[in-house]
């Protein structure tokens, strides 16, 4: 294992330390990482986009699962359930796109 602070890359690590050991990979990346400034705008942009997409993914997955359960319980109402869940999903996607755009606008300003 390379010493802390050395300038080696991940590909210099032995094969057994690279393959299948996520902790070793993370440790190697942390040793090589540049320090992040306190006011780094790219860090904020990455966090903003990541949180927006994470929230949208979790929300849309939850809507999909609840829609499938509701249709399984009441197959006769499938059309209205599907229409309502699609409307909610579209509104959630719109909010996600707005959040991503606002993240980029915050970087520009």
C-alpha atoms as a PDB file:
ATOM      1  CA  UNK A   1       0.000   0.000   0.000  1.00  0.00           C
ATOM      2  CA  UNK A   2       1.448   3.387  -0.906  1.00  0.00           C
ATOM      3  CA  UNK A   3       2.320   5.765   1.890  1.00  0.00           C
ATOM      4  CA  UNK A   4      -0.036   8.618   2.682  1.00  0.00           C
ATOM      5  CA  UNK A   5       0.710  11.658   0.588  1.00  0.00           C
ATOM      6  CA  UNK A   6       2.475   9.801  -2.217  1.00  0.00           C
ATOM      7  CA  UNK A   7       1.703  10.769  -5.783  1.00  0.00           C
ATOM      8  CA  UNK A   8       0.812   7.257  -7.003  1.00  0.00           C
ATOM      9  CA  UNK A   9      -2.380   6.636  -8.933  1.00  0.00           C
ATOM     10  CA  UNK A  10      -5.028   3.984  -8.386  1.00  0.00           C
ATOM     11  CA  UNK A  11      -3.673   1.918 -11.254  1.00  0.00           C
ATOM     12  CA  UNK A  12      -0.328   1.481  -9.485  1.00  0.00           C
ATOM     13  CA  UNK A  13      -2.012  -0.394  -6.624  1.00  0.00           C
ATOM     14  CA  UNK A  14      -1.600  -4.166  -6.773  1.00  0.00           C
ATOM     15  CA  UNK A  15      -4.384  -6.133  -8.427  1.00  0.00           C
ATOM     16  CA  UNK A  16      -5.614  -7.724  -5.184  1.00  0.00           C
ATOM     17  CA  UNK A  17      -6.034  -4.281  -3.580  1.00  0.00           C
ATOM     18  CA  UNK A  18      -7.952  -2.832  -6.531  1.00  0.00           C
ATOM     19  CA  UNK A  19     -10.465  -5.554  -7.242  1.00  0.00           C
ATOM     20  CA  UNK A  20     -13.491  -5.942  -5.014  1.00  0.00           C
ATOM     21  CA  UNK A  21     -12.250  -3.866  -2.091  1.00  0.00           C
ATOM     22  CA  UNK A  22     -14.231  -0.647  -2.049  1.00  0.00           C
ATOM     23  CA  UNK A  23     -12.608   0.492   1.200  1.00  0.00           C
ATOM     24  CA  UNK A  24      -9.152   0.315  -0.355  1.00  0.00           C
ATOM     25  CA  UNK A  25     -10.406   2.186  -3.405  1.00  0.00           C
ATOM     26  CA  UNK A  26     -11.956   4.903  -1.267  1.00  0.00           C
ATOM     27  CA  UNK A  27      -8.814   5.189   0.865  1.00  0.00           C
ATOM     28  CA  UNK A  28      -6.640   5.505  -2.231  1.00  0.00           C
ATOM     29  CA  UNK A  29      -8.904   8.214  -3.623  1.00  0.00           C
ATOM     30  CA  UNK A  30      -8.851  10.130  -0.343  1.00  0.00           C
ATOM     31  CA  UNK A  31      -5.058  10.017  -0.174  1.00  0.00           C
ATOM     32  CA  UNK A  32      -4.822  11.508  -3.665  1.00  0.00           C
ATOM     33  CA  UNK A  33      -7.642  14.038  -3.344  1.00  0.00           C
ATOM     34  CA  UNK A  34      -6.895  17.722  -3.490  1.00  0.00           C
ATOM     35  CA  UNK A  35      -8.147  19.730  -0.514  1.00  0.00           C
ATOM     36  CA  UNK A  36     -11.457  21.442  -1.247  1.00  0.00           C
ATOM     37  CA  UNK A  37     -11.716  25.159  -0.534  1.00  0.00           C
ATOM     38  CA  UNK A  38     -14.459  26.230   1.862  1.00  0.00           C
ATOM     39  CA  UNK A  39     -16.238  28.324  -0.767  1.00  0.00           C
ATOM     40  CA  UNK A  40     -15.822  25.973  -3.723  1.00  0.00           C
ATOM     41  CA  UNK A  41     -18.839  26.519  -6.009  1.00  0.00           C
ATOM     42  CA  UNK A  42     -18.403  23.184  -7.790  1.00  0.00           C
ATOM     43  CA  UNK A  43     -18.919  21.347  -4.525  1.00  0.00           C
ATOM     44  CA  UNK A  44     -22.211  23.163  -3.989  1.00  0.00           C
ATOM     45  CA  UNK A  45     -23.328  22.498  -7.542  1.00  0.00           C
ATOM     46  CA  UNK A  46     -22.548  18.809  -7.211  1.00  0.00           C
ATOM     47  CA  UNK A  47     -24.395  18.547  -3.919  1.00  0.00           C
ATOM     48  CA  UNK A  48     -27.377  20.482  -5.262  1.00  0.00           C
ATOM     49  CA  UNK A  49     -27.749  18.365  -8.366  1.00  0.00           C
ATOM     50  CA  UNK A  50     -27.140  15.146  -6.450  1.00  0.00           C
ATOM     51  CA  UNK A  51     -29.757  15.922  -3.816  1.00  0.00           C
ATOM     52  CA  UNK A  52     -32.295  17.012  -6.440  1.00  0.00           C
ATOM     53  CA  UNK A  53     -31.830  13.829  -8.435  1.00  0.00           C
ATOM     54  CA  UNK A  54     -31.822  11.644  -5.328  1.00  0.00           C
ATOM     55  CA  UNK A  55     -35.085  13.159  -4.133  1.00  0.00           C
ATOM     56  CA  UNK A  56     -36.677  12.779  -7.555  1.00  0.00           C
ATOM     57  CA  UNK A  57     -35.551   9.181  -7.889  1.00  0.00           C
ATOM     58  CA  UNK A  58     -36.852   8.205  -4.475  1.00  0.00           C
ATOM     59  CA  UNK A  59     -40.116  10.069  -5.014  1.00  0.00           C
ATOM     60  CA  UNK A  60     -40.774   8.592  -8.429  1.00  0.00           C
ATOM     61  CA  UNK A  61     -39.980   5.103  -7.171  1.00  0.00           C
ATOM     62  CA  UNK A  62     -42.405   5.556  -4.304  1.00  0.00           C
ATOM     63  CA  UNK A  63     -45.122   6.863  -6.654  1.00  0.00           C
ATOM     64  CA  UNK A  64     -44.606   3.879  -8.944  1.00  0.00           C
ATOM     65  CA  UNK A  65     -44.821   1.347  -6.149  1.00  0.00           C
ATOM     66  CA  UNK A  66     -47.919   2.939  -4.634  1.00  0.00           C
ATOM     67  CA  UNK A  67     -49.564   3.098  -8.060  1.00  0.00           C
ATOM     68  CA  UNK A  68     -48.915  -0.593  -8.654  1.00  0.00           C
ATOM     69  CA  UNK A  69     -50.357  -1.458  -5.238  1.00  0.00           C
ATOM     70  CA  UNK A  70     -53.431   0.708  -5.792  1.00  0.00           C
ATOM     71  CA  UNK A  71     -54.125  -0.807  -9.213  1.00  0.00           C
ATOM     72  CA  UNK A  72     -53.671  -4.300  -7.764  1.00  0.00           C
ATOM     73  CA  UNK A  73     -56.242  -3.480  -5.058  1.00  0.00           C
ATOM     74  CA  UNK A  74     -58.762  -1.840  -7.414  1.00  0.00           C
ATOM     75  CA  UNK A  75     -58.261  -2.903 -11.037  1.00  0.00           C
ATOM     76  CA  UNK A  76     -61.486  -1.182 -12.108  1.00  0.00           C
ATOM     77  CA  UNK A  77     -60.062   2.238 -11.181  1.00  0.00           C
ATOM     78  CA  UNK A  78     -56.759   1.671 -12.981  1.00  0.00           C
ATOM     79  CA  UNK A  79     -57.229   4.499 -15.487  1.00  0.00           C
ATOM     80  CA  UNK A  80     -57.919   7.201 -12.909  1.00  0.00           C
ATOM     81  CA  UNK A  81     -55.164   5.935 -10.602  1.00  0.00           C
ATOM     82  CA  UNK A  82     -52.674   5.917 -13.456  1.00  0.00           C
ATOM     83  CA  UNK A  83     -53.675   9.417 -14.598  1.00  0.00           C
ATOM     84  CA  UNK A  84     -53.357  10.841 -11.094  1.00  0.00           C
ATOM     85  CA  UNK A  85     -49.984   9.241 -10.467  1.00  0.00           C
ATOM     86  CA  UNK A  86     -48.650  10.433 -13.833  1.00  0.00           C
ATOM     87  CA  UNK A  87     -49.751  13.985 -13.046  1.00  0.00           C
ATOM     88  CA  UNK A  88     -47.912  13.855  -9.709  1.00  0.00           C
ATOM     89  CA  UNK A  89     -44.832  12.352 -11.388  1.00  0.00           C
ATOM     90  CA  UNK A  90     -44.793  15.105 -14.031  1.00  0.00           C
ATOM     91  CA  UNK A  91     -45.036  17.793 -11.377  1.00  0.00           C
ATOM     92  CA  UNK A  92     -42.193  16.167  -9.442  1.00  0.00           C
ATOM     93  CA  UNK A  93     -40.033  16.038 -12.558  1.00  0.00           C
ATOM     94  CA  UNK A  94     -40.750  19.710 -13.182  1.00  0.00           C
ATOM     95  CA  UNK A  95     -39.661  20.591  -9.667  1.00  0.00           C
ATOM     96  CA  UNK A  96     -36.487  18.553 -10.146  1.00  0.00           C
ATOM     97  CA  UNK A  97     -35.634  20.325 -13.394  1.00  0.00           C
ATOM     98  CA  UNK A  98     -36.237  23.702 -11.738  1.00  0.00           C
ATOM     99  CA  UNK A  99     -33.947  22.699  -8.839  1.00  0.00           C
ATOM    100  CA  UNK A 100     -31.173  21.704 -11.250  1.00  0.00           C
ATOM    101  CA  UNK A 101     -31.543  24.942 -13.231  1.00  0.00           C
ATOM    102  CA  UNK A 102     -31.468  27.006 -10.038  1.00  0.00           C
ATOM    103  CA  UNK A 103     -28.288  25.183  -9.005  1.00  0.00           C
ATOM    104  CA  UNK A 104     -26.597  26.248 -12.248  1.00  0.00           C
ATOM    105  CA  UNK A 105     -27.950  29.797 -11.926  1.00  0.00           C
ATOM    106  CA  UNK A 106     -26.509  30.031  -8.416  1.00  0.00           C
ATOM    107  CA  UNK A 107     -23.083  29.170  -9.847  1.00  0.00           C
ATOM    108  CA  UNK A 108     -23.317  31.890 -12.476  1.00  0.00           C
ATOM    109  CA  UNK A 109     -24.388  34.604 -10.016  1.00  0.00           C
END
